[in-house]
């Protein structure tokens, strides 16, 4: 909901009052009667009316049709005609009830032309500035709303993606270690509850997110620990004081296990997580499989997370991923 000062009619009223004080009371300050004050208002309304005619009749020629020559020509014609009318009215009627009637310089046509031009520039300039401000605010609001809708959609896509990969993990574990399956299913149940409860939140406690990641790593150790060297170090003091978008870090960890530990040959996953001065740093390395088993993929997780990073942490994150010396490296910094 717009604040009181951001409503269009309030801003238009503000322009009216401001320009009235600037172009009328400044010169009519020695008004000695209500009739004289009324005539000052009439004088101002002529100035204001001229500016509004330009704003609503002539300005669209410049703004919408981009015809500067026609706009300038018609503006000059309107100025000349209005100055002539205003000069005549001030000499015969308006100035006779204020001290300006004693100032012959302000009875001239040139003076009225200058006042009309100044009022037009002041009123039009202020009105266009406020109009630009309103448009920019609407654009920003629509962009924020669009980003929020996209983030919600991406979060909803992560739900089935996480479930899909977790079921694959349970399936693989049930074949090799069937006796551990009930315990693992219970752990997975707790992880799913956390994921479902927090996926629609904008931010979650960094402490809870790290705990979730640790549970996932323990699950993977049960599945591939006998053939995969897994290292996880976190250097974070007081993680409960910081908050992070849910599932951001986890997706990279999940991706490392999915591709780095996908074959039977000796493999490794190394994860280092640290926090310094409010900047969270994730550094990961995982082996690259010699054989390509064509693992099923939803093609959602990593690209999805990149898109979320751009929308949630614009200019507040740095992501570098690539292959070097038969290792897949991930480096991520997020300013929390």
Protein backbone atom coordinates (compact mmCIF):
# COMPACT_ATOMS: atom_id res chain seq x y z
CA UNK A 1 0.00 0.00 0.00
CA UNK A 2 1.32 3.44 -0.95
CA UNK A 3 2.19 5.88 1.80
CA UNK A 4 0.21 9.12 2.04
CA UNK A 5 3.00 11.21 0.48
CA UNK A 6 3.30 8.81 -2.48
CA UNK A 7 -0.29 9.17 -3.61
CA UNK A 8 -0.61 11.00 -6.90
CA UNK A 9 -3.26 13.49 -5.75
CA UNK A 10 -1.13 14.43 -2.72
CA UNK A 11 1.87 15.08 -4.95
CA UNK A 12 -0.23 17.15 -7.37
CA UNK A 13 -1.55 19.18 -4.46
CA UNK A 14 2.01 19.70 -3.29
CA UNK A 15 2.99 21.03 -6.73
CA UNK A 16 0.00 23.39 -6.62
CA UNK A 17 0.82 24.80 -3.18
CA UNK A 18 4.55 25.04 -3.87
CA UNK A 19 4.12 26.89 -7.15
CA UNK A 20 1.45 29.17 -5.64
CA UNK A 21 3.82 30.26 -2.89
CA UNK A 22 6.69 30.66 -5.33
CA UNK A 23 4.93 32.64 -8.05
CA UNK A 24 2.11 34.46 -6.27
CA UNK A 25 2.69 35.14 -2.57
CA UNK A 26 6.24 36.19 -3.34
CA UNK A 27 4.92 39.12 -5.42
CA UNK A 28 1.56 39.64 -3.71
CA UNK A 29 2.92 39.81 -0.17
CA UNK A 30 1.54 43.32 0.41
CA UNK A 31 -2.05 42.29 -0.39
CA UNK A 32 -4.26 44.26 1.99
CA UNK A 33 -7.72 42.80 1.32
CA UNK A 34 -9.48 39.50 0.74
CA UNK A 35 -10.42 40.71 -2.71
CA UNK A 36 -6.78 41.31 -3.47
CA UNK A 37 -5.91 37.82 -2.18
CA UNK A 38 -8.64 36.33 -4.38
CA UNK A 39 -7.21 38.15 -7.39
CA UNK A 40 -3.78 36.68 -6.52
CA UNK A 41 -5.32 33.22 -6.68
CA UNK A 42 -6.88 34.06 -10.06
CA UNK A 43 -3.48 35.25 -11.30
CA UNK A 44 -1.83 32.05 -10.14
CA UNK A 45 -4.53 29.84 -11.68
CA UNK A 46 -3.78 31.46 -15.04
CA UNK A 47 -0.11 30.52 -14.61
CA UNK A 48 -1.01 27.03 -13.41
CA UNK A 49 -3.56 26.53 -16.20
CA UNK A 50 -0.99 27.50 -18.84
CA UNK A 51 1.48 24.93 -17.44
CA UNK A 52 -1.19 22.21 -17.34
CA UNK A 53 -2.22 22.91 -20.94
CA UNK A 54 1.38 22.38 -21.94
CA UNK A 55 1.63 19.27 -19.78
CA UNK A 56 -1.45 17.45 -21.06
CA UNK A 57 -1.85 18.81 -24.61
CA UNK A 58 1.65 19.60 -25.87
CA UNK A 59 4.06 17.44 -23.84
CA UNK A 60 2.67 14.14 -25.23
CA UNK A 61 3.85 15.33 -28.67
CA UNK A 62 7.40 15.28 -27.33
CA UNK A 63 7.17 12.24 -25.05
CA UNK A 64 4.99 9.89 -27.14
CA UNK A 65 5.53 11.11 -30.71
CA UNK A 66 9.15 12.27 -30.21
CA UNK A 67 8.58 15.39 -32.28
CA UNK A 68 10.66 18.06 -30.57
CA UNK A 69 10.25 20.69 -33.32
CA UNK A 70 6.44 20.65 -33.20
CA UNK A 71 6.46 20.66 -29.38
CA UNK A 72 8.81 23.67 -29.15
CA UNK A 73 6.88 25.56 -31.83
CA UNK A 74 3.51 25.03 -30.16
CA UNK A 75 4.99 25.83 -26.73
CA UNK A 76 6.23 29.19 -28.02
CA UNK A 77 2.85 29.95 -29.62
CA UNK A 78 1.05 29.10 -26.38
CA UNK A 79 3.51 31.24 -24.41
CA UNK A 80 3.08 34.27 -26.69
CA UNK A 81 -0.73 34.08 -26.66
CA UNK A 82 -0.92 33.44 -22.90
CA UNK A 83 1.53 36.26 -22.14
CA UNK A 84 -0.56 38.66 -24.21
CA UNK A 85 -3.76 37.67 -22.39
CA UNK A 86 -2.12 37.79 -18.97
CA UNK A 87 -0.48 41.17 -19.66
CA UNK A 88 -3.82 42.64 -20.64
CA UNK A 89 -5.60 41.25 -17.60
CA UNK A 90 -2.94 42.46 -15.16
CA UNK A 91 -3.08 46.03 -16.53
CA UNK A 92 -6.85 46.31 -16.59
CA UNK A 93 -7.95 44.20 -13.64
CA UNK A 94 -5.61 42.05 -11.54
CA UNK A 95 -2.87 44.42 -10.35
CA UNK A 96 -5.14 47.25 -9.22
CA UNK A 97 -5.56 45.70 -5.78
CA UNK A 98 -1.91 45.11 -4.85
CA UNK A 99 1.37 46.98 -4.69
CA UNK A 100 2.51 45.53 -8.04
CA UNK A 101 0.30 48.12 -9.78
CA UNK A 102 2.81 50.74 -8.64
CA UNK A 103 5.70 48.82 -10.26
CA UNK A 104 5.57 49.65 -13.97
CA UNK A 105 8.24 47.05 -14.83
CA UNK A 106 5.87 44.28 -13.82
CA UNK A 107 3.09 45.60 -16.03
CA UNK A 108 5.08 44.85 -19.18
CA UNK A 109 4.44 42.05 -21.65
CA UNK A 110 8.02 40.80 -21.26
CA UNK A 111 7.60 40.35 -17.52
CA UNK A 112 4.44 38.27 -17.94
CA UNK A 113 6.14 36.21 -20.63
CA UNK A 114 9.02 35.48 -18.23
CA UNK A 115 6.68 34.62 -15.34
CA UNK A 116 4.68 32.24 -17.54
CA UNK A 117 7.87 30.56 -18.79
CA UNK A 118 9.30 30.23 -15.26
CA UNK A 119 6.05 28.84 -13.86
CA UNK A 120 5.77 26.40 -16.75
CA UNK A 121 9.30 25.11 -16.24
CA UNK A 122 8.85 24.85 -12.48
CA UNK A 123 5.47 23.09 -12.59
CA UNK A 124 6.30 20.82 -15.53
CA UNK A 125 9.73 19.96 -14.15
CA UNK A 126 8.39 19.04 -10.72
CA UNK A 127 5.46 17.09 -12.21
CA UNK A 128 7.73 15.14 -14.58
CA UNK A 129 10.19 14.39 -11.79
CA UNK A 130 7.41 12.95 -9.62
CA UNK A 131 5.99 11.05 -12.60
CA UNK A 132 9.42 9.55 -13.27
CA UNK A 133 9.76 8.67 -9.59
CA UNK A 134 6.38 6.90 -9.61
CA UNK A 135 7.25 4.98 -12.79
CA UNK A 136 10.61 3.89 -11.41
CA UNK A 137 9.00 2.78 -8.17
CA UNK A 138 6.38 0.79 -10.08
CA UNK A 139 9.10 -0.81 -12.21
CA UNK A 140 11.09 -1.68 -9.09
CA UNK A 141 7.99 -3.10 -7.40
CA UNK A 142 7.13 -5.22 -10.44
CA UNK A 143 10.71 -6.45 -10.61
CA UNK A 144 10.70 -7.37 -6.92
CA UNK A 145 7.35 -9.13 -7.36
CA UNK A 146 8.62 -10.96 -10.44
CA UNK A 147 11.79 -12.04 -8.62
CA UNK A 148 9.76 -13.22 -5.66
CA UNK A 149 7.50 -15.27 -7.92
CA UNK A 150 10.53 -16.76 -9.68
CA UNK A 151 12.20 -17.57 -6.36
CA UNK A 152 9.00 -19.23 -5.12
CA UNK A 153 8.87 -21.26 -8.34
CA UNK A 154 12.52 -22.26 -8.02
CA UNK A 155 11.98 -23.24 -4.38
CA UNK A 156 9.01 -25.39 -5.36
CA UNK A 157 11.13 -27.06 -8.05
CA UNK A 158 13.74 -27.95 -5.44
CA UNK A 159 11.22 -30.02 -3.46
CA UNK A 160 10.82 -32.82 -6.04
CA UNK A 161 14.49 -32.46 -7.05
CA UNK A 162 15.67 -33.14 -3.50
CA UNK A 163 13.20 -36.00 -3.08
CA UNK A 164 14.28 -37.54 -6.39
CA UNK A 165 17.97 -37.59 -5.41
CA UNK A 166 17.26 -38.78 -1.87
CA UNK A 167 15.22 -41.73 -3.13
CA UNK A 168 18.14 -42.67 -5.37
CA UNK A 169 20.39 -42.62 -2.29
CA UNK A 170 18.02 -44.87 -0.31
CA UNK A 171 17.73 -47.22 -3.25
CA UNK A 172 21.50 -47.59 -3.56
CA UNK A 173 21.91 -48.09 0.18
CA UNK A 174 19.12 -50.68 0.40
CA UNK A 175 20.90 -52.85 -2.17
CA UNK A 176 24.33 -52.80 -0.52
CA UNK A 177 23.39 -52.39 3.17
CA UNK A 178 19.77 -53.52 3.64
CA UNK A 179 20.10 -53.72 7.44
CA UNK A 180 20.86 -50.00 7.65
CA UNK A 181 17.87 -49.02 5.55
CA UNK A 182 15.34 -48.40 8.40
CA UNK A 183 17.76 -46.14 10.27
CA UNK A 184 18.57 -44.24 7.08
CA UNK A 185 14.89 -43.85 6.21
CA UNK A 186 14.31 -42.25 9.63
CA UNK A 187 17.18 -39.82 9.04
CA UNK A 188 15.85 -39.02 5.58
CA UNK A 189 12.40 -38.43 7.09
CA UNK A 190 13.87 -35.80 9.44
CA UNK A 191 15.72 -34.16 6.54
CA UNK A 192 12.58 -34.07 4.41
CA UNK A 193 10.65 -32.47 7.27
CA UNK A 194 13.30 -29.75 7.56
CA UNK A 195 13.35 -29.22 3.81
CA UNK A 196 9.58 -28.99 3.48
CA UNK A 197 9.21 -26.67 6.49
CA UNK A 198 11.92 -24.28 5.35
CA UNK A 199 11.88 -24.31 1.55
CA UNK A 200 9.24 -21.56 1.40
CA UNK A 201 11.04 -19.31 3.86
CA UNK A 202 13.16 -16.42 2.65
CA UNK A 203 15.88 -17.08 5.22
CA UNK A 204 16.76 -19.80 7.70
CA UNK A 205 19.26 -19.98 10.52
CA UNK A 206 22.77 -20.75 9.26
CA UNK A 207 23.12 -23.12 12.21
CA UNK A 208 20.09 -25.15 11.10
CA UNK A 209 21.22 -25.18 7.48
CA UNK A 210 24.68 -26.48 8.42
CA UNK A 211 23.09 -29.13 10.62
CA UNK A 212 20.97 -30.20 7.65
CA UNK A 213 24.07 -30.41 5.43
CA UNK A 214 25.90 -32.42 8.07
CA UNK A 215 23.01 -34.90 8.25
CA UNK A 216 23.13 -35.30 4.48
CA UNK A 217 26.89 -35.94 4.57
CA UNK A 218 26.38 -38.57 7.27
CA UNK A 219 23.79 -40.19 5.02
CA UNK A 220 26.26 -40.26 2.14
CA UNK A 221 28.95 -41.70 4.40
CA UNK A 222 26.62 -44.60 5.11
CA UNK A 223 26.13 -45.13 1.40
CA UNK A 224 29.59 -44.61 -0.11
CA UNK A 225 31.92 -44.11 2.85
CA UNK A 226 33.53 -47.51 2.37
CA UNK A 227 34.93 -46.45 -1.03
CA UNK A 228 34.91 -42.66 -0.88
CA UNK A 229 37.12 -40.37 1.18
CA UNK A 230 34.85 -37.70 2.64
CA UNK A 231 36.13 -34.60 4.45
CA UNK A 232 33.91 -31.92 5.93
CA UNK A 233 35.30 -28.99 7.93
CA UNK A 234 33.33 -25.99 9.09
CA UNK A 235 34.92 -23.00 10.78
CA UNK A 236 31.99 -20.90 11.87
CA UNK A 237 31.59 -19.18 15.21
CA UNK A 238 28.09 -18.39 16.43
CA UNK A 239 26.23 -19.62 13.31
CA UNK A 240 22.92 -18.96 15.07
CA UNK A 241 23.50 -15.21 14.57
CA UNK A 242 23.43 -15.46 10.78
CA UNK A 243 20.76 -16.34 8.26
CA UNK A 244 20.89 -17.69 4.72
CA UNK A 245 18.50 -18.60 1.93
CA UNK A 246 17.57 -22.27 2.35
CA UNK A 247 19.15 -25.01 0.22
CA UNK A 248 21.70 -22.65 -1.40
CA UNK A 249 24.84 -24.31 0.00
CA UNK A 250 23.27 -27.74 0.13
CA UNK A 251 22.71 -27.96 -3.64
CA UNK A 252 26.45 -27.67 -4.32
CA UNK A 253 27.21 -30.30 -1.67
CA UNK A 254 24.59 -32.62 -3.12
CA UNK A 255 25.96 -32.09 -6.61
CA UNK A 256 29.48 -33.00 -5.43
CA UNK A 257 28.31 -36.32 -4.04
CA UNK A 258 26.05 -37.07 -6.96
CA UNK A 259 28.82 -36.74 -9.54
CA UNK A 260 32.00 -37.16 -7.47
CA UNK A 261 30.97 -40.42 -5.80
CA UNK A 262 28.95 -41.94 -8.61
CA UNK A 263 31.35 -44.74 -9.64
CA UNK A 264 32.92 -47.67 -7.83
CA UNK A 265 36.53 -46.52 -8.27
CA UNK A 266 38.27 -44.70 -5.44
CA UNK A 267 36.82 -41.19 -5.09
CA UNK A 268 36.77 -38.24 -2.74
CA UNK A 269 34.65 -35.27 -1.70
CA UNK A 270 36.27 -32.45 0.28
CA UNK A 271 34.15 -29.65 1.73
CA UNK A 272 35.37 -26.62 3.65
CA UNK A 273 32.89 -24.07 5.02
CA UNK A 274 33.96 -20.91 6.82
CA UNK A 275 32.54 -17.56 7.92
CA UNK A 276 34.52 -14.37 8.39
CA UNK A 277 33.18 -10.82 8.80
CA UNK A 278 29.74 -11.89 7.62
CA UNK A 279 31.09 -13.53 4.43
CA UNK A 280 30.34 -17.24 4.10
CA UNK A 281 32.86 -19.15 2.00
CA UNK A 282 32.35 -22.62 0.54
CA UNK A 283 35.33 -24.40 -1.03
CA UNK A 284 34.80 -27.87 -2.44
CA UNK A 285 36.65 -30.43 -4.47
CA UNK A 286 35.35 -33.74 -5.75
CA UNK A 287 36.76 -36.42 -7.98
CA UNK A 288 35.64 -36.75 -11.56
CA UNK A 289 34.42 -40.25 -12.49
CA UNK A 290 36.54 -42.08 -15.04
CA UNK A 291 33.47 -43.85 -16.35
CA UNK A 292 30.33 -42.03 -17.38
CA UNK A 293 27.35 -43.91 -16.02
CA UNK A 294 24.89 -41.36 -17.39
CA UNK A 295 23.27 -40.67 -14.04
CA UNK A 296 19.63 -39.60 -14.29
CA UNK A 297 19.32 -35.85 -13.81
CA UNK A 298 16.43 -33.41 -13.57
CA UNK A 299 18.79 -30.64 -14.76
CA UNK A 300 17.20 -28.43 -12.10
CA UNK A 301 19.47 -28.34 -9.06
CA UNK A 302 22.64 -26.49 -10.05
CA UNK A 303 21.14 -24.13 -12.66
CA UNK A 304 18.23 -23.49 -10.32
CA UNK A 305 20.60 -22.50 -7.52
CA UNK A 306 22.62 -20.20 -9.80
CA UNK A 307 19.41 -18.38 -10.69
CA UNK A 308 18.44 -18.10 -7.01
CA UNK A 309 21.86 -16.68 -6.14
CA UNK A 310 21.50 -13.97 -8.78
CA UNK A 311 18.07 -12.95 -7.48
CA UNK A 312 18.56 -13.33 -3.72
CA UNK A 313 22.18 -12.12 -3.50
CA UNK A 314 22.70 -9.74 -6.43
CA UNK A 315 26.26 -8.38 -6.31
CA UNK A 316 26.66 -10.08 -2.93
CA UNK A 317 28.00 -13.41 -4.08
CA UNK A 318 30.85 -14.86 -6.10
CA UNK A 319 30.68 -18.29 -7.72
CA UNK A 320 33.48 -20.08 -9.53
CA UNK A 321 33.12 -23.68 -10.73
CA UNK A 322 35.35 -25.65 -13.07
CA UNK A 323 37.61 -28.60 -13.66
CA UNK A 324 41.32 -28.62 -12.84
CA UNK A 325 43.72 -31.60 -12.65
CA UNK A 326 40.91 -34.18 -12.83
CA UNK A 327 39.08 -32.47 -10.00
CA UNK A 328 35.87 -30.51 -9.98
CA UNK A 329 36.30 -27.33 -7.95
CA UNK A 330 33.59 -25.13 -6.45
CA UNK A 331 34.20 -21.76 -4.82
CA UNK A 332 31.31 -19.75 -3.46
CA UNK A 333 31.24 -16.56 -1.37
CA UNK A 334 28.05 -15.05 0.00
CA UNK A 335 27.75 -11.87 2.03
CA UNK A 336 25.10 -12.72 4.61
